[in-house]
Amino acid sequence: LIAWYERHGYRKTGATEPFPADPSFGLPKQELEFVV
C-alpha cells in the first residue's frame, strides 16, 4: 500500500505515529505504528 501511494506521488516524511490503543480502531495482532 505504501508503494502504491508512492507511485501516486506521496512520500514518507520520516515521521511515525503510534497505533491507537482504542479498540474502536481494531484489535492489533502484532505491534503496529503509522508512517506519515
PDB file of all heavy atoms in Angstrom:
ATOM      1  N   LEU A   1       0.830  -1.204   0.000  1.00  0.00           N
ATOM      2  CA  LEU A   1       0.000   0.000   0.000  1.00  0.00           C
ATOM      3  C   LEU A   1       0.868   1.259   0.000  1.00  0.00           C
ATOM      4  O   LEU A   1       0.598   2.207  -0.742  1.00  0.00           O
ATOM      5  CB  LEU A   1      -0.942  -0.002   1.206  1.00  0.00           C
ATOM      6  CG  LEU A   1      -1.943   1.147   1.281  1.00  0.00           C
ATOM      7  CD1 LEU A   1      -2.828   1.194   0.037  1.00  0.00           C
ATOM      8  CD2 LEU A   1      -2.787   1.027   2.542  1.00  0.00           C
ATOM      9  N   ILE A   2       1.921   1.257   0.793  1.00  0.00           N
ATOM     10  CA  ILE A   2       2.844   2.397   0.804  1.00  0.00           C
ATOM     11  C   ILE A   2       3.450   2.591  -0.582  1.00  0.00           C
ATOM     12  O   ILE A   2       3.516   3.714  -1.091  1.00  0.00           O
ATOM     13  CB  ILE A   2       3.929   2.202   1.886  1.00  0.00           C
ATOM     14  CG1 ILE A   2       3.292   2.329   3.287  1.00  0.00           C
ATOM     15  CG2 ILE A   2       5.077   3.193   1.707  1.00  0.00           C
ATOM     16  CD1 ILE A   2       4.180   1.885   4.425  1.00  0.00           C
ATOM     17  N   ALA A   3       3.842   1.502  -1.219  1.00  0.00           N
ATOM     18  CA  ALA A   3       4.415   1.591  -2.572  1.00  0.00           C
ATOM     19  C   ALA A   3       3.384   2.140  -3.564  1.00  0.00           C
ATOM     20  O   ALA A   3       3.733   2.923  -4.454  1.00  0.00           O
ATOM     21  CB  ALA A   3       4.917   0.222  -3.029  1.00  0.00           C
ATOM     22  N   TRP A   4       2.114   1.755  -3.408  1.00  0.00           N
ATOM     23  CA  TRP A   4       1.060   2.266  -4.285  1.00  0.00           C
ATOM     24  C   TRP A   4       0.935   3.775  -4.131  1.00  0.00           C
ATOM     25  O   TRP A   4       0.869   4.502  -5.120  1.00  0.00           O
ATOM     26  CB  TRP A   4      -0.267   1.565  -3.960  1.00  0.00           C
ATOM     27  CG  TRP A   4      -1.385   1.917  -4.886  1.00  0.00           C
ATOM     28  CD1 TRP A   4      -1.649   1.365  -6.110  1.00  0.00           C
ATOM     29  CD2 TRP A   4      -2.414   2.898  -4.675  1.00  0.00           C
ATOM     30  NE1 TRP A   4      -2.779   1.942  -6.664  1.00  0.00           N
ATOM     31  CE2 TRP A   4      -3.256   2.884  -5.796  1.00  0.00           C
ATOM     32  CE3 TRP A   4      -2.692   3.774  -3.634  1.00  0.00           C
ATOM     33  CZ2 TRP A   4      -4.366   3.727  -5.914  1.00  0.00           C
ATOM     34  CZ3 TRP A   4      -3.798   4.609  -3.753  1.00  0.00           C
ATOM     35  CH2 TRP A   4      -4.614   4.584  -4.883  1.00  0.00           C
ATOM     36  N   TYR A   5       0.917   4.253  -2.891  1.00  0.00           N
ATOM     37  CA  TYR A   5       0.855   5.703  -2.666  1.00  0.00           C
ATOM     38  C   TYR A   5       2.099   6.397  -3.221  1.00  0.00           C
ATOM     39  O   TYR A   5       1.992   7.482  -3.809  1.00  0.00           O
ATOM     40  CB  TYR A   5       0.686   6.024  -1.177  1.00  0.00           C
ATOM     41  CG  TYR A   5      -0.720   5.815  -0.677  1.00  0.00           C
ATOM     42  CD1 TYR A   5      -0.989   4.922   0.359  1.00  0.00           C
ATOM     43  CD2 TYR A   5      -1.788   6.522  -1.212  1.00  0.00           C
ATOM     44  CE1 TYR A   5      -2.282   4.733   0.831  1.00  0.00           C
ATOM     45  CE2 TYR A   5      -3.086   6.335  -0.749  1.00  0.00           C
ATOM     46  CZ  TYR A   5      -3.319   5.445   0.271  1.00  0.00           C
ATOM     47  OH  TYR A   5      -4.605   5.254   0.729  1.00  0.00           O
ATOM     48  N   GLU A   6       3.246   5.788  -3.070  1.00  0.00           N
ATOM     49  CA  GLU A   6       4.474   6.385  -3.611  1.00  0.00           C
ATOM     50  C   GLU A   6       4.394   6.505  -5.134  1.00  0.00           C
ATOM     51  O   GLU A   6       4.847   7.510  -5.697  1.00  0.00           O
ATOM     52  CB  GLU A   6       5.703   5.576  -3.182  1.00  0.00           C
ATOM     53  CG  GLU A   6       6.023   5.750  -1.710  1.00  0.00           C
ATOM     54  CD  GLU A   6       7.161   4.882  -1.217  1.00  0.00           C
ATOM     55  OE1 GLU A   6       7.389   3.780  -1.778  1.00  0.00           O
ATOM     56  OE2 GLU A   6       7.817   5.292  -0.250  1.00  0.00           O
ATOM     57  N   ARG A   7       3.820   5.519  -5.795  1.00  0.00           N
ATOM     58  CA  ARG A   7       3.651   5.607  -7.253  1.00  0.00           C
ATOM     59  C   ARG A   7       2.711   6.742  -7.660  1.00  0.00           C
ATOM     60  O   ARG A   7       2.722   7.182  -8.809  1.00  0.00           O
ATOM     61  CB  ARG A   7       3.136   4.273  -7.819  1.00  0.00           C
ATOM     62  CG  ARG A   7       4.176   3.166  -7.823  1.00  0.00           C
ATOM     63  CD  ARG A   7       3.735   1.957  -8.627  1.00  0.00           C
ATOM     64  NE  ARG A   7       2.505   1.334  -8.182  1.00  0.00           N
ATOM     65  CZ  ARG A   7       2.413   0.412  -7.226  1.00  0.00           C
ATOM     66  NH1 ARG A   7       3.498   0.008  -6.582  1.00  0.00           N
ATOM     67  NH2 ARG A   7       1.244  -0.106  -6.915  1.00  0.00           N
ATOM     68  N   HIS A   8       1.928   7.223  -6.705  1.00  0.00           N
ATOM     69  CA  HIS A   8       0.997   8.320  -6.970  1.00  0.00           C
ATOM     70  C   HIS A   8       1.483   9.640  -6.376  1.00  0.00           C
ATOM     71  O   HIS A   8       0.688  10.570  -6.191  1.00  0.00           O
ATOM     72  CB  HIS A   8      -0.401   7.948  -6.467  1.00  0.00           C
ATOM     73  CG  HIS A   8      -0.995   6.844  -7.273  1.00  0.00           C
ATOM     74  ND1 HIS A   8      -0.810   5.517  -6.971  1.00  0.00           N
ATOM     75  CD2 HIS A   8      -1.709   6.859  -8.427  1.00  0.00           C
ATOM     76  CE1 HIS A   8      -1.402   4.772  -7.879  1.00  0.00           C
ATOM     77  NE2 HIS A   8      -1.955   5.566  -8.772  1.00  0.00           N
ATOM     78  N   GLY A   9       2.778   9.723  -6.103  1.00  0.00           N
ATOM     79  CA  GLY A   9       3.380  10.988  -5.706  1.00  0.00           C
ATOM     80  C   GLY A   9       3.483  11.261  -4.224  1.00  0.00           C
ATOM     81  O   GLY A   9       3.968  12.324  -3.827  1.00  0.00           O
ATOM     82  N   TYR A  10       3.058  10.344  -3.386  1.00  0.00           N
ATOM     83  CA  TYR A  10       3.171  10.522  -1.938  1.00  0.00           C
ATOM     84  C   TYR A  10       4.538  10.035  -1.479  1.00  0.00           C
ATOM     85  O   TYR A  10       5.078   9.071  -2.027  1.00  0.00           O
ATOM     86  CB  TYR A  10       2.044   9.774  -1.211  1.00  0.00           C
ATOM     87  CG  TYR A  10       0.709  10.408  -1.465  1.00  0.00           C
ATOM     88  CD1 TYR A  10       0.000  10.130  -2.632  1.00  0.00           C
ATOM     89  CD2 TYR A  10       0.163  11.317  -0.573  1.00  0.00           C
ATOM     90  CE1 TYR A  10      -1.216  10.743  -2.901  1.00  0.00           C
ATOM     91  CE2 TYR A  10      -1.060  11.928  -0.824  1.00  0.00           C
ATOM     92  CZ  TYR A  10      -1.740  11.635  -1.990  1.00  0.00           C
ATOM     93  OH  TYR A  10      -2.942  12.245  -2.259  1.00  0.00           O
ATOM     94  N   ARG A  11       5.086  10.707  -0.474  1.00  0.00           N
ATOM     95  CA  ARG A  11       6.410  10.359   0.060  1.00  0.00           C
ATOM     96  C   ARG A  11       6.339  10.237   1.565  1.00  0.00           C
ATOM     97  O   ARG A  11       5.620  10.994   2.227  1.00  0.00           O
ATOM     98  CB  ARG A  11       7.443  11.435  -0.309  1.00  0.00           C
ATOM     99  CG  ARG A  11       7.658  11.595  -1.798  1.00  0.00           C
ATOM    100  CD  ARG A  11       8.402  10.394  -2.381  1.00  0.00           C
ATOM    101  NE  ARG A  11       8.433  10.428  -3.832  1.00  0.00           N
ATOM    102  CZ  ARG A  11       7.774   9.610  -4.629  1.00  0.00           C
ATOM    103  NH1 ARG A  11       7.015   8.665  -4.128  1.00  0.00           N
ATOM    104  NH2 ARG A  11       7.877   9.694  -5.932  1.00  0.00           N
ATOM    105  N   LYS A  12       7.104   9.295   2.112  1.00  0.00           N
ATOM    106  CA  LYS A  12       7.229   9.197   3.568  1.00  0.00           C
ATOM    107  C   LYS A  12       7.930  10.452   4.071  1.00  0.00           C
ATOM    108  O   LYS A  12       8.925  10.881   3.486  1.00  0.00           O
ATOM    109  CB  LYS A  12       8.044   7.967   3.950  1.00  0.00           C
ATOM    110  CG  LYS A  12       7.386   6.653   3.624  1.00  0.00           C
ATOM    111  CD  LYS A  12       8.295   5.524   4.085  1.00  0.00           C
ATOM    112  CE  LYS A  12       8.000   4.257   3.350  1.00  0.00           C
ATOM    113  NZ  LYS A  12       8.983   3.213   3.668  1.00  0.00           N
ATOM    114  N   THR A  13       7.422  11.002   5.162  1.00  0.00           N
ATOM    115  CA  THR A  13       8.025  12.211   5.733  1.00  0.00           C
ATOM    116  C   THR A  13       9.140  11.886   6.712  1.00  0.00           C
ATOM    117  O   THR A  13       9.892  12.777   7.091  1.00  0.00           O
ATOM    118  CB  THR A  13       6.968  13.044   6.487  1.00  0.00           C
ATOM    119  OG1 THR A  13       6.503  12.286   7.616  1.00  0.00           O
ATOM    120  CG2 THR A  13       5.805  13.418   5.575  1.00  0.00           C
ATOM    121  N   GLY A  14       9.222  10.637   7.151  1.00  0.00           N
ATOM    122  CA  GLY A  14      10.167  10.251   8.190  1.00  0.00           C
ATOM    123  C   GLY A  14       9.524  10.226   9.566  1.00  0.00           C
ATOM    124  O   GLY A  14      10.073   9.672  10.505  1.00  0.00           O
ATOM    125  N   ALA A  15       8.333  10.817   9.678  1.00  0.00           N
ATOM    126  CA  ALA A  15       7.616  10.826  10.952  1.00  0.00           C
ATOM    127  C   ALA A  15       6.789   9.549  11.103  1.00  0.00           C
ATOM    128  O   ALA A  15       6.353   8.958  10.108  1.00  0.00           O
ATOM    129  CB  ALA A  15       6.695  12.046  11.027  1.00  0.00           C
ATOM    130  N   THR A  16       6.609   9.136  12.326  1.00  0.00           N
ATOM    131  CA  THR A  16       5.746   7.990  12.642  1.00  0.00           C
ATOM    132  C   THR A  16       4.779   8.412  13.748  1.00  0.00           C
ATOM    133  O   THR A  16       5.013   9.388  14.461  1.00  0.00           O
ATOM    134  CB  THR A  16       6.552   6.768  13.109  1.00  0.00           C
ATOM    135  OG1 THR A  16       7.284   7.109  14.290  1.00  0.00           O
ATOM    136  CG2 THR A  16       7.504   6.278  12.024  1.00  0.00           C
ATOM    137  N   GLU A  17       3.700   7.660  13.861  1.00  0.00           N
ATOM    138  CA  GLU A  17       2.724   7.875  14.926  1.00  0.00           C
ATOM    139  C   GLU A  17       2.344   6.521  15.494  1.00  0.00           C
ATOM    140  O   GLU A  17       2.286   5.531  14.756  1.00  0.00           O
ATOM    141  CB  GLU A  17       1.468   8.574  14.383  1.00  0.00           C
ATOM    142  CG  GLU A  17       1.711   9.977  13.902  1.00  0.00           C
ATOM    143  CD  GLU A  17       0.450  10.656  13.369  1.00  0.00           C
ATOM    144  OE1 GLU A  17      -0.664  10.083  13.518  1.00  0.00           O
ATOM    145  OE2 GLU A  17       0.576  11.753  12.812  1.00  0.00           O
ATOM    146  N   PRO A  18       2.064   6.459  16.792  1.00  0.00           N
ATOM    147  CA  PRO A  18       1.669   5.170  17.376  1.00  0.00           C
ATOM    148  C   PRO A  18       0.289   4.754  16.888  1.00  0.00           C
ATOM    149  O   PRO A  18      -0.552   5.606  16.568  1.00  0.00           O
ATOM    150  CB  PRO A  18       1.658   5.453  18.882  1.00  0.00           C
ATOM    151  CG  PRO A  18       1.468   6.930  18.992  1.00  0.00           C
ATOM    152  CD  PRO A  18       2.096   7.534  17.769  1.00  0.00           C
ATOM    153  N   PHE A  19       0.062   3.453  16.823  1.00  0.00           N
ATOM    154  CA  PHE A  19      -1.275   2.961  16.501  1.00  0.00           C
ATOM    155  C   PHE A  19      -2.137   3.176  17.741  1.00  0.00           C
ATOM    156  O   PHE A  19      -1.711   2.890  18.855  1.00  0.00           O
ATOM    157  CB  PHE A  19      -1.233   1.474  16.111  1.00  0.00           C
ATOM    158  CG  PHE A  19      -2.531   0.993  15.526  1.00  0.00           C
ATOM    159  CD1 PHE A  19      -2.797   1.177  14.184  1.00  0.00           C
ATOM    160  CD2 PHE A  19      -3.499   0.398  16.327  1.00  0.00           C
ATOM    161  CE1 PHE A  19      -4.010   0.765  13.628  1.00  0.00           C
ATOM    162  CE2 PHE A  19      -4.707  -0.015  15.777  1.00  0.00           C
ATOM    163  CZ  PHE A  19      -4.954   0.172  14.429  1.00  0.00           C
ATOM    164  N   PRO A  20      -3.374   3.640  17.581  1.00  0.00           N
ATOM    165  CA  PRO A  20      -4.223   3.930  18.747  1.00  0.00           C
ATOM    166  C   PRO A  20      -4.495   2.681  19.583  1.00  0.00           C
ATOM    167  O   PRO A  20      -4.715   1.593  19.054  1.00  0.00           O
ATOM    168  CB  PRO A  20      -5.524   4.442  18.133  1.00  0.00           C
ATOM    169  CG  PRO A  20      -5.207   4.794  16.728  1.00  0.00           C
ATOM    170  CD  PRO A  20      -4.033   3.963  16.325  1.00  0.00           C
ATOM    171  N   ALA A  21      -4.491   2.876  20.889  1.00  0.00           N
ATOM    172  CA  ALA A  21      -4.812   1.781  21.811  1.00  0.00           C
ATOM    173  C   ALA A  21      -6.322   1.578  21.914  1.00  0.00           C
ATOM    174  O   ALA A  21      -6.773   0.612  22.505  1.00  0.00           O
ATOM    175  CB  ALA A  21      -4.220   2.075  23.188  1.00  0.00           C
ATOM    176  N   ASP A  22      -7.096   2.443  21.315  1.00  0.00           N
ATOM    177  CA  ASP A  22      -8.553   2.392  21.346  1.00  0.00           C
ATOM    178  C   ASP A  22      -9.052   1.225  20.497  1.00  0.00           C
ATOM    179  O   ASP A  22      -8.802   1.172  19.292  1.00  0.00           O
ATOM    180  CB  ASP A  22      -9.090   3.716  20.801  1.00  0.00           C
ATOM    181  CG  ASP A  22     -10.599   3.821  20.822  1.00  0.00           C
ATOM    182  OD1 ASP A  22     -11.281   2.794  21.015  1.00  0.00           O
ATOM    183  OD2 ASP A  22     -11.096   4.942  20.634  1.00  0.00           O
ATOM    184  N   PRO A  23      -9.774   0.255  21.088  1.00  0.00           N
ATOM    185  CA  PRO A  23     -10.247  -0.902  20.316  1.00  0.00           C
ATOM    186  C   PRO A  23     -11.211  -0.562  19.193  1.00  0.00           C
ATOM    187  O   PRO A  23     -11.435  -1.377  18.301  1.00  0.00           O
ATOM    188  CB  PRO A  23     -10.920  -1.798  21.360  1.00  0.00           C
ATOM    189  CG  PRO A  23     -11.000  -1.029  22.614  1.00  0.00           C
ATOM    190  CD  PRO A  23     -10.134   0.180  22.502  1.00  0.00           C
ATOM    191  N   SER A  24     -11.762   0.645  19.180  1.00  0.00           N
ATOM    192  CA  SER A  24     -12.656   1.009  18.085  1.00  0.00           C
ATOM    193  C   SER A  24     -11.893   1.152  16.763  1.00  0.00           C
ATOM    194  O   SER A  24     -12.493   1.168  15.702  1.00  0.00           O
ATOM    195  CB  SER A  24     -13.409   2.310  18.399  1.00  0.00           C
ATOM    196  OG  SER A  24     -12.530   3.414  18.410  1.00  0.00           O
ATOM    197  N   PHE A  25     -10.563   1.228  16.815  1.00  0.00           N
ATOM    198  CA  PHE A  25      -9.748   1.257  15.601  1.00  0.00           C
ATOM    199  C   PHE A  25      -9.355  -0.152  15.152  1.00  0.00           C
ATOM    200  O   PHE A  25      -8.775  -0.322  14.096  1.00  0.00           O
ATOM    201  CB  PHE A  25      -8.462   2.077  15.832  1.00  0.00           C
ATOM    202  CG  PHE A  25      -8.705   3.548  15.928  1.00  0.00           C
ATOM    203  CD1 PHE A  25      -8.880   4.147  17.166  1.00  0.00           C
ATOM    204  CD2 PHE A  25      -8.775   4.334  14.792  1.00  0.00           C
ATOM    205  CE1 PHE A  25      -9.112   5.497  17.266  1.00  0.00           C
ATOM    206  CE2 PHE A  25      -9.015   5.693  14.883  1.00  0.00           C
ATOM    207  CZ  PHE A  25      -9.186   6.274  16.129  1.00  0.00           C
ATOM    208  N   GLY A  26      -9.631  -1.143  15.969  1.00  0.00           N
ATOM    209  CA  GLY A  26      -9.271  -2.515  15.659  1.00  0.00           C
ATOM    210  C   GLY A  26      -8.414  -3.096  16.768  1.00  0.00           C
ATOM    211  O   GLY A  26      -7.905  -2.378  17.628  1.00  0.00           O
ATOM    212  N   LEU A  27      -8.271  -4.394  16.721  1.00  0.00           N
ATOM    213  CA  LEU A  27      -7.506  -5.122  17.731  1.00  0.00           C
ATOM    214  C   LEU A  27      -6.227  -5.641  17.074  1.00  0.00           C
ATOM    215  O   LEU A  27      -6.257  -6.633  16.341  1.00  0.00           O
ATOM    216  CB  LEU A  27      -8.347  -6.273  18.286  1.00  0.00           C
ATOM    217  CG  LEU A  27      -9.728  -5.850  18.831  1.00  0.00           C
ATOM    218  CD1 LEU A  27     -10.598  -7.065  19.072  1.00  0.00           C
ATOM    219  CD2 LEU A  27      -9.575  -5.013  20.080  1.00  0.00           C
ATOM    220  N   PRO A  28      -5.090  -4.968  17.321  1.00  0.00           N
ATOM    221  CA  PRO A  28      -3.836  -5.359  16.663  1.00  0.00           C
ATOM    222  C   PRO A  28      -3.425  -6.792  16.999  1.00  0.00           C
ATOM    223  O   PRO A  28      -3.521  -7.230  18.140  1.00  0.00           O
ATOM    224  CB  PRO A  28      -2.811  -4.368  17.214  1.00  0.00           C
ATOM    225  CG  PRO A  28      -3.608  -3.210  17.701  1.00  0.00           C
ATOM    226  CD  PRO A  28      -4.912  -3.787  18.165  1.00  0.00           C
ATOM    227  N   LYS A  29      -2.973  -7.512  15.971  1.00  0.00           N
ATOM    228  CA  LYS A  29      -2.469  -8.870  16.128  1.00  0.00           C
ATOM    229  C   LYS A  29      -0.953  -8.865  16.256  1.00  0.00           C
ATOM    230  O   LYS A  29      -0.343  -9.915  16.424  1.00  0.00           O
ATOM    231  CB  LYS A  29      -2.909  -9.729  14.934  1.00  0.00           C
ATOM    232  CG  LYS A  29      -4.423  -9.865  14.841  1.00  0.00           C
ATOM    233  CD  LYS A  29      -4.839 -10.676  13.629  1.00  0.00           C
ATOM    234  CE  LYS A  29      -6.358 -10.775  13.540  1.00  0.00           C
ATOM    235  NZ  LYS A  29      -6.793 -11.553  12.378  1.00  0.00           N
ATOM    236  N   GLN A  30      -0.345  -7.694  16.144  1.00  0.00           N
ATOM    237  CA  GLN A  30       1.086  -7.502  16.296  1.00  0.00           C
ATOM    238  C   GLN A  30       1.316  -6.026  16.626  1.00  0.00           C
ATOM    239  O   GLN A  30       0.391  -5.230  16.572  1.00  0.00           O
ATOM    240  CB  GLN A  30       1.837  -7.890  15.009  1.00  0.00           C
ATOM    241  CG  GLN A  30       1.515  -6.979  13.831  1.00  0.00           C
ATOM    242  CD  GLN A  30       2.163  -7.440  12.546  1.00  0.00           C
ATOM    243  OE1 GLN A  30       1.889  -8.536  12.080  1.00  0.00           O
ATOM    244  NE2 GLN A  30       3.016  -6.622  11.979  1.00  0.00           N
ATOM    245  N   GLU A  31       2.532  -5.672  16.967  1.00  0.00           N
ATOM    246  CA  GLU A  31       2.866  -4.275  17.237  1.00  0.00           C
ATOM    247  C   GLU A  31       2.740  -3.474  15.937  1.00  0.00           C
ATOM    248  O   GLU A  31       3.284  -3.875  14.913  1.00  0.00           O
ATOM    249  CB  GLU A  31       4.304  -4.193  17.766  1.00  0.00           C
ATOM    250  CG  GLU A  31       4.663  -2.876  18.376  1.00  0.00           C
ATOM    251  CD  GLU A  31       4.011  -2.631  19.726  1.00  0.00           C
ATOM    252  OE1 GLU A  31       3.691  -3.594  20.444  1.00  0.00           O
ATOM    253  OE2 GLU A  31       3.821  -1.455  20.054  1.00  0.00           O
ATOM    254  N   LEU A  32       2.005  -2.366  15.984  1.00  0.00           N
ATOM    255  CA  LEU A  32       1.779  -1.567  14.785  1.00  0.00           C
ATOM    256  C   LEU A  32       2.079  -0.098  15.052  1.00  0.00           C
ATOM    257  O   LEU A  32       1.903   0.380  16.169  1.00  0.00           O
ATOM    258  CB  LEU A  32       0.326  -1.688  14.313  1.00  0.00           C
ATOM    259  CG  LEU A  32      -0.158  -3.075  13.898  1.00  0.00           C
ATOM    260  CD1 LEU A  32      -1.656  -3.039  13.606  1.00  0.00           C
ATOM    261  CD2 LEU A  32       0.609  -3.577  12.695  1.00  0.00           C
ATOM    262  N   GLU A  33       2.509   0.580  13.995  1.00  0.00           N
ATOM    263  CA  GLU A  33       2.647   2.027  14.036  1.00  0.00           C
ATOM    264  C   GLU A  33       2.336   2.560  12.645  1.00  0.00           C
ATOM    265  O   GLU A  33       2.279   1.812  11.671  1.00  0.00           O
ATOM    266  CB  GLU A  33       4.054   2.459  14.477  1.00  0.00           C
ATOM    267  CG  GLU A  33       5.130   2.217  13.442  1.00  0.00           C
ATOM    268  CD  GLU A  33       6.490   2.767  13.857  1.00  0.00           C
ATOM    269  OE1 GLU A  33       6.605   3.458  14.886  1.00  0.00           O
ATOM    270  OE2 GLU A  33       7.453   2.496  13.125  1.00  0.00           O
ATOM    271  N   PHE A  34       2.120   3.862  12.569  1.00  0.00           N
ATOM    272  CA  PHE A  34       1.847   4.522  11.299  1.00  0.00           C
ATOM    273  C   PHE A  34       3.091   5.235  10.791  1.00  0.00           C
ATOM    274  O   PHE A  34       3.872   5.757  11.587  1.00  0.00           O
ATOM    275  CB  PHE A  34       0.754   5.589  11.453  1.00  0.00           C
ATOM    276  CG  PHE A  34      -0.612   5.060  11.740  1.00  0.00           C
ATOM    277  CD1 PHE A  34      -1.208   5.288  12.972  1.00  0.00           C
ATOM    278  CD2 PHE A  34      -1.334   4.368  10.786  1.00  0.00           C
ATOM    279  CE1 PHE A  34      -2.491   4.835  13.235  1.00  0.00           C
ATOM    280  CE2 PHE A  34      -2.612   3.905  11.035  1.00  0.00           C
ATOM    281  CZ  PHE A  34      -3.189   4.141  12.272  1.00  0.00           C
ATOM    282  N   VAL A  35       3.241   5.272   9.472  1.00  0.00           N
ATOM    283  CA  VAL A  35       4.183   6.196   8.846  1.00  0.00           C
ATOM    284  C   VAL A  35       3.342   7.346   8.303  1.00  0.00           C
ATOM    285  O   VAL A  35       2.207   7.149   7.879  1.00  0.00           O
ATOM    286  CB  VAL A  35       5.033   5.558   7.719  1.00  0.00           C
ATOM    287  CG1 VAL A  35       5.948   4.483   8.273  1.00  0.00           C
ATOM    288  CG2 VAL A  35       4.173   4.989   6.616  1.00  0.00           C
ATOM    289  N   VAL A  36       3.914   8.532   8.353  1.00  0.00           N
ATOM    290  CA  VAL A  36       3.234   9.710   7.827  1.00  0.00           C
ATOM    291  C   VAL A  36       3.715   9.922   6.410  1.00  0.00           C
ATOM    292  O   VAL A  36       4.933   9.901   6.133  1.00  0.00           O
ATOM    293  CB  VAL A  36       3.527  10.952   8.695  1.00  0.00           C
ATOM    294  CG1 VAL A  36       2.845  12.183   8.109  1.00  0.00           C
ATOM    295  CG2 VAL A  36       3.082  10.714  10.139  1.00  0.00           C
TER     296      VAL A  36
END
